Protein backbone atom coordinates (compact mmCIF):
# COMPACT_ATOMS: atom_id res chain seq x y z
CA MET A 1 104.82 100.21 116.18
CA ARG A 2 103.60 102.40 119.02
CA PRO A 3 104.15 101.20 122.63
CA ALA A 4 105.09 97.52 122.48
CA GLY A 5 102.45 96.16 124.84
CA LEU A 6 99.58 98.14 123.35
CA LEU A 7 97.27 95.19 122.77
CA ILE A 8 97.43 93.93 126.33
CA ALA A 9 97.73 97.23 128.16
CA ILE A 10 94.45 98.81 127.06
CA SER A 11 91.36 97.78 129.00
CA LEU A 12 87.73 97.52 127.97
CA ALA A 13 85.85 100.68 128.84
CA ALA A 14 82.48 102.37 128.53
CA PRO A 15 80.47 102.17 125.29
CA ALA A 16 81.38 104.63 122.54
CA ALA A 17 78.80 105.98 120.13
CA ALA A 18 79.64 105.22 116.51
CA GLY A 19 78.57 108.56 115.06
CA ASP A 20 79.65 108.81 111.42
CA PHE A 21 82.65 106.49 111.82
CA ARG A 22 82.23 103.45 109.56
CA LEU A 23 84.54 100.56 108.70
CA GLN A 24 85.10 98.66 105.49
CA PHE A 25 86.06 94.99 105.67
CA PRO A 26 89.88 95.03 106.03
CA LEU A 27 90.87 91.85 104.20
CA ASP A 28 90.79 90.62 100.60
CA CYS A 29 88.73 87.49 101.18
CA THR A 30 85.13 86.28 101.26
CA LEU A 31 83.79 85.24 104.66
CA GLY A 32 82.56 81.67 104.67
CA GLN A 33 84.63 80.81 101.60
CA ASP A 34 88.32 81.62 102.06
CA CYS A 35 88.32 83.26 105.50
CA HIS A 36 86.29 83.28 108.71
CA ILE A 37 86.04 85.23 111.95
CA GLN A 38 87.67 83.03 114.55
CA GLN A 39 87.27 85.33 117.57
CA PHE A 40 85.46 88.51 118.54
CA VAL A 41 85.96 91.04 121.35
CA ASP A 42 85.36 89.54 124.80
CA HIS A 43 82.14 90.98 126.28
CA ASP A 44 82.29 89.06 129.57
CA PRO A 45 83.36 91.51 132.32
CA GLY A 46 84.37 88.62 134.59
CA PRO A 47 86.94 85.86 134.26
CA GLY A 48 85.00 84.06 131.51
CA ALA A 49 84.70 84.94 127.83
CA ALA A 50 81.77 85.62 125.49
CA ASP A 51 81.40 87.26 122.10
CA PHE A 52 78.75 89.94 121.52
CA THR A 53 76.04 87.30 120.95
CA CYS A 54 76.98 85.50 124.22
CA GLY A 55 78.57 82.82 122.03
CA THR A 56 81.94 81.15 122.59
CA LEU A 57 83.95 82.79 119.79
CA SER A 58 86.22 84.79 122.09
CA TYR A 59 88.65 84.28 124.93
CA GLU A 60 89.38 86.02 128.22
CA GLY A 61 90.34 89.65 127.64
CA HIS A 62 90.38 89.48 123.83
CA LYS A 63 90.39 93.02 122.46
CA GLY A 64 89.81 92.67 118.74
CA THR A 65 88.34 90.80 115.79
CA ASP A 66 90.39 87.89 114.41
CA ILE A 67 89.79 87.31 110.70
CA ALA A 68 91.51 84.02 109.91
CA LEU A 69 92.67 82.21 106.79
CA PRO A 70 92.00 78.45 106.74
CA TYR A 71 95.53 77.35 105.85
CA LEU A 72 99.14 78.50 105.97
CA SER A 73 99.23 77.96 102.21
CA ASP A 74 96.63 80.76 101.91
CA MET A 75 98.97 83.04 103.86
CA ARG A 76 101.89 82.14 101.63
CA ALA A 77 99.80 82.84 98.52
CA GLY A 78 99.11 86.32 99.92
CA ALA A 79 96.00 87.93 101.41
CA THR A 80 96.00 91.74 101.31
CA VAL A 81 95.17 93.74 104.45
CA ARG A 82 93.45 97.04 103.69
CA ALA A 83 92.70 100.20 105.64
CA ALA A 84 89.24 99.95 107.19
CA ALA A 85 88.77 103.74 107.06
CA ASP A 86 90.52 106.93 105.92
CA GLY A 87 93.35 107.86 108.25
CA VAL A 88 96.97 108.65 108.98
CA VAL A 89 99.63 106.05 109.78
CA LEU A 90 100.84 106.43 113.37
CA GLY A 91 103.31 103.57 113.36
CA THR A 92 104.39 100.27 111.82
CA ARG A 93 106.46 97.18 112.58
CA ASN A 94 107.70 94.97 109.75
CA THR A 95 110.59 92.76 110.90
CA MET A 96 109.22 89.97 113.12
CA PRO A 97 109.32 86.41 111.70
CA ASP A 98 106.22 84.50 110.68
CA GLN A 99 106.09 81.56 113.08
CA TYR A 100 103.83 79.92 115.63
CA ALA A 101 104.10 81.34 119.14
CA THR A 102 105.78 78.72 121.34
CA ALA A 103 107.45 78.52 124.73
CA GLU A 104 110.80 78.67 122.94
CA ASN A 105 110.16 82.06 121.29
CA ALA A 106 108.01 83.57 124.06
CA ALA A 107 110.82 85.87 125.24
CA ALA A 108 111.31 87.32 121.76
CA ILE A 109 107.56 87.97 121.43
CA ASP A 110 107.11 89.44 124.93
CA GLY A 111 106.01 93.06 124.59
CA LYS A 112 105.50 92.60 120.83
CA GLU A 113 102.39 90.40 120.89
CA CYS A 114 100.86 92.27 117.96
CA GLY A 115 103.74 91.16 115.74
CA ASN A 116 104.11 93.09 112.50
CA GLY A 117 101.38 95.63 111.95
CA VAL A 118 100.05 99.11 111.43
CA VAL A 119 98.24 101.67 113.62
CA LEU A 120 95.96 104.22 111.91
CA GLN A 121 94.46 107.38 113.40
CA HIS A 122 91.10 108.41 111.95
CA GLY A 123 90.13 111.57 113.80
CA GLY A 124 87.49 112.06 116.46
CA GLY A 125 89.47 109.85 118.85
CA TRP A 126 89.19 106.74 116.64
CA GLU A 127 92.10 104.38 115.93
CA THR A 128 92.45 101.00 114.25
CA GLN A 129 95.31 98.57 114.69
CA TYR A 130 96.22 95.69 112.34
CA CYS A 131 98.28 92.84 113.85
CA HIS A 132 100.08 89.60 112.94
CA MET A 133 100.96 90.75 109.44
CA LYS A 134 103.54 89.09 107.18
CA ARG A 135 107.17 90.14 107.64
CA GLY A 136 108.30 92.51 104.91
CA SER A 137 104.78 93.06 103.56
CA ILE A 138 104.00 96.46 105.14
CA GLN A 139 103.49 99.03 102.36
CA VAL A 140 102.96 102.21 104.39
CA GLN A 141 105.10 104.44 106.62
CA SER A 142 104.43 106.68 109.60
CA GLY A 143 102.82 109.97 108.61
CA MET A 144 101.30 108.68 105.37
CA LYS A 145 97.65 109.42 104.64
CA VAL A 146 95.59 106.43 103.51
CA LYS A 147 92.10 105.99 102.15
CA ALA A 148 89.70 103.22 103.11
CA GLY A 149 90.61 100.21 100.99
CA ASP A 150 94.27 101.16 100.50
CA ALA A 151 96.65 98.20 100.84
CA LEU A 152 98.59 98.12 104.11
CA GLY A 153 100.33 94.74 103.74
CA GLU A 154 99.45 91.04 103.99
CA VAL A 155 98.15 88.58 106.58
CA GLY A 156 100.96 86.77 108.40
CA LEU A 157 101.84 84.69 111.43
CA SER A 158 103.93 87.15 113.43
CA GLY A 159 103.71 87.91 117.13
CA LYS A 160 101.61 85.90 119.59
CA THR A 161 99.46 83.79 117.30
CA GLU A 162 98.63 80.15 116.59
CA PHE A 163 97.06 80.53 113.12
CA PRO A 164 97.38 82.95 110.17
CA HIS A 165 95.00 85.84 110.71
CA LEU A 166 94.47 89.57 110.93
CA HIS A 167 93.72 90.88 114.40
CA LEU A 168 91.82 94.17 114.02
CA SER A 169 91.52 96.36 117.11
CA VAL A 170 89.22 99.39 117.14
CA ARG A 171 89.57 102.08 119.81
CA LYS A 172 87.78 105.31 120.69
CA ASP A 173 89.74 107.68 122.96
CA GLY A 174 91.94 104.75 123.94
CA ALA A 175 89.07 102.41 124.90
CA VAL A 176 88.47 99.13 123.08
CA VAL A 177 85.31 99.09 120.95
CA ASP A 178 83.71 96.02 119.37
CA PRO A 179 82.81 97.04 115.80
CA PHE A 180 79.95 94.51 115.84
CA ALA A 181 78.37 95.96 119.00
CA PRO A 182 79.97 99.33 119.81
CA ASP A 183 77.32 100.33 122.33
CA SER A 184 77.38 97.19 124.46
CA THR A 185 81.00 96.50 125.35
CA GLY A 186 81.11 94.71 128.70
CA THR A 187 77.76 92.95 128.16
CA CYS A 188 76.52 90.42 125.62
CA GLY A 189 73.23 89.51 124.05
CA ALA A 190 71.81 93.02 124.25
CA ALA A 191 69.42 94.28 121.60
CA ALA A 192 71.42 94.74 118.42
CA GLY A 193 72.27 98.37 117.80
CA PRO A 194 74.10 99.85 114.83
CA SER A 195 77.52 98.35 114.15
CA LEU A 196 80.56 100.22 112.88
CA TRP A 197 80.59 98.21 109.66
CA ALA A 198 79.40 99.89 106.47
CA ASP A 199 78.35 96.40 105.35
CA PRO A 200 77.98 94.26 108.52
CA PRO A 201 79.46 90.75 108.13
CA ASP A 202 77.24 87.82 109.03
CA TYR A 203 77.89 86.10 112.36
CA ARG A 204 78.90 82.44 112.01
CA PRO A 205 78.89 80.45 115.29
CA GLY A 206 81.38 77.92 113.91
CA GLY A 207 81.94 76.06 110.69
CA VAL A 208 83.82 73.58 108.54
CA LEU A 209 86.94 75.13 107.02
CA GLY A 210 87.81 72.38 104.60
CA ALA A 211 87.98 68.66 103.93
CA GLY A 212 89.95 66.28 101.77
CA PHE A 213 91.19 62.79 101.00
CA SER A 214 94.49 61.12 101.87
CA THR A 215 96.09 57.67 102.16
CA ALA A 216 96.53 57.92 105.95
CA ILE A 217 95.23 60.04 108.81
CA PRO A 218 97.21 63.25 108.24
CA GLU A 219 99.28 65.05 110.82
CA TYR A 220 97.38 68.03 112.22
CA GLN A 221 100.20 70.33 111.14
CA ALA A 222 99.77 69.16 107.53
CA VAL A 223 96.04 69.94 107.76
CA LYS A 224 96.75 73.44 109.07
CA ASP A 225 99.46 73.91 106.45
CA GLY A 226 97.06 73.08 103.62
CA THR A 227 99.16 70.15 102.37
CA ALA A 228 97.15 67.19 103.73
CA GLY A 229 95.02 66.57 100.64
CA GLN A 230 96.20 63.85 98.24
CA ALA A 231 93.26 63.55 95.85
CA PRO A 232 92.83 61.83 93.55
CA LEU A 233 94.01 58.70 95.37
CA ALA A 234 95.59 55.83 93.49
CA ALA A 235 93.35 52.84 92.82
CA ASP A 236 95.65 50.67 94.97
CA ALA A 237 96.19 53.19 97.79
CA PRO A 238 96.81 51.30 101.06
CA ALA A 239 94.03 53.23 102.79
CA PHE A 240 91.21 55.61 101.91
CA VAL A 241 90.88 58.47 104.44
CA PHE A 242 88.47 61.40 104.49
CA TRP A 243 89.26 64.23 106.92
CA ALA A 244 87.70 67.59 107.82
CA TYR A 245 88.95 70.74 109.54
CA ALA A 246 86.57 72.93 111.57
CA PHE A 247 86.41 75.92 113.93
CA GLY A 248 84.25 77.18 116.77
CA GLY A 249 83.45 73.75 118.21
CA GLN A 250 81.48 73.59 121.45
CA ALA A 251 81.28 70.76 123.96
CA GLY A 252 78.48 68.47 122.78
CA ASP A 253 78.82 69.38 119.10
CA THR A 254 79.09 66.52 116.61
CA LEU A 255 81.28 66.41 113.51
CA GLU A 256 79.74 63.96 111.08
CA LEU A 257 81.87 62.56 108.24
CA THR A 258 80.33 60.53 105.41
CA VAL A 259 81.64 59.29 102.08
CA THR A 260 79.57 57.92 99.21
CA GLY A 261 81.17 56.12 96.29
CA PRO A 262 80.20 54.42 93.04
CA GLU A 263 78.61 51.58 95.02
CA GLY A 264 76.72 53.86 97.47
CA ALA A 265 77.55 54.42 101.13
CA PHE A 266 81.29 53.93 101.63
CA VAL A 267 82.20 55.02 105.17
CA SER A 268 80.79 57.23 107.93
CA ARG A 269 81.70 58.45 111.43
CA ARG A 270 80.24 60.78 114.05
CA ASP A 271 82.45 62.35 116.73
CA ALA A 272 81.07 64.32 119.68
CA LEU A 273 83.30 67.03 121.14
CA GLU A 274 84.05 66.67 124.83
CA LYS A 275 85.12 70.31 125.22
CA ASP A 276 85.11 73.63 123.39
CA GLN A 277 87.74 73.67 120.64
CA ALA A 278 88.71 76.79 118.68
CA GLN A 279 89.97 74.66 115.79
CA PHE A 280 90.01 70.88 115.34
CA PHE A 281 90.03 68.08 112.78
CA ARG A 282 88.68 64.55 112.54
CA ALA A 283 89.17 61.70 110.06
CA THR A 284 87.61 58.40 109.04
CA GLY A 285 88.44 55.77 106.47
CA ARG A 286 89.12 52.18 105.46
CA ARG A 287 92.15 50.01 104.74
CA LEU A 288 92.45 48.33 101.35
CA ARG A 289 91.33 44.67 101.58
CA GLY A 290 91.47 43.71 97.90
CA ALA A 291 93.52 44.58 94.86
CA SER A 292 92.04 48.05 94.36
CA TRP A 293 89.26 50.46 95.32
CA PRO A 294 86.15 50.55 93.11
CA ALA A 295 86.68 53.03 90.29
CA GLY A 296 84.32 55.98 90.05
CA HIS A 297 83.19 59.16 91.76
CA TYR A 298 83.49 59.68 95.53
CA THR A 299 82.04 62.53 97.59
CA GLY A 300 82.96 63.23 101.20
CA THR A 301 80.75 65.49 103.31
CA ALA A 302 81.51 66.97 106.72
CA ARG A 303 78.66 68.38 108.83
CA LEU A 304 79.05 70.30 112.08
CA LEU A 305 75.96 69.67 114.20
CA ARG A 306 74.86 71.54 117.33
CA GLY A 307 71.80 70.43 119.27
CA GLY A 308 70.86 68.23 116.34
CA SER A 309 70.86 71.14 113.87
CA GLU A 310 73.43 71.74 111.16
CA VAL A 311 75.77 74.66 111.81
CA ASP A 312 77.76 74.21 108.61
CA SER A 313 78.80 71.63 106.03
CA PHE A 314 81.55 71.14 103.47
CA SER A 315 81.85 68.62 100.62
CA SER A 316 84.83 67.44 98.59
CA SER A 317 84.81 65.09 95.60
CA MET A 318 87.25 63.10 93.51
CA THR A 319 87.21 60.45 90.79
CA LEU A 320 89.18 57.25 91.28
CA ALA A 321 90.54 55.79 88.04
CA ASP A 322 90.60 52.10 87.19
CA ALA A 323 93.62 50.21 88.46
CA PRO A 324 96.29 49.77 85.76
CA GLN A 325 96.19 46.38 84.07
């Protein structure tokens, strides 16, 4: 890579006109289905944080767009990172391990927060940087010319990160630019001007990433790993648990979990968030009181509510077979 501390050394600066510079979406995924934007550039000039809409999907000093995969299993399956625009490769890094950033490995990450990645130069003072990529996945070398859409590598978990995602930084003459609001860096909620995206992605203020069934409340790590689901459950499973995984939670939001079965309403729970949470999960369920659960079709639905209105929902279904005789 270029200078090791690049992501944290560059400060937000004055707005930069987009001109003819346009970006393609840099990841092989569909927003709202198998990926989501977890964080945007911080537009709050003070000690707080706000995304370009004045929403909470950012954190203090964040200098890029984080496009996240729901589960580690999605990362292992492979999600291709692609050049957002025509350019020339300025530098790469490809050797850092894919692991959660912890206090134990902080020293090894210090100065290499971007992890594995690629920097592209596009002309006219524009650069893009692609961070947290999978070790050994980088397919380009310094000096290579690339076209928009060319494969650069895959999403990983390298550098300073707590979830598998691509961090995309956009810069003009060294200054950070938010591709969603390039003319209003340093403020939020201004009248929407042209973005840098050729096809602007929709803004989602939070959402439900997934849901599933298991025989006990799963460990959070299993949820994040993508291995918590156990459907279909056995007819004599000791417990029947429905869980959901969400992002972008705000204090006061409610995550509502309901399950209907062959006999109608089966179980429900509503949890109000006491604080903002970037990612979180909740679960509800019942213990087995008889010989088996009623056979038939079950549907679990998770709804993220804000101010009484639905932000997002996700449903998962399974069919429970009759208990063996």
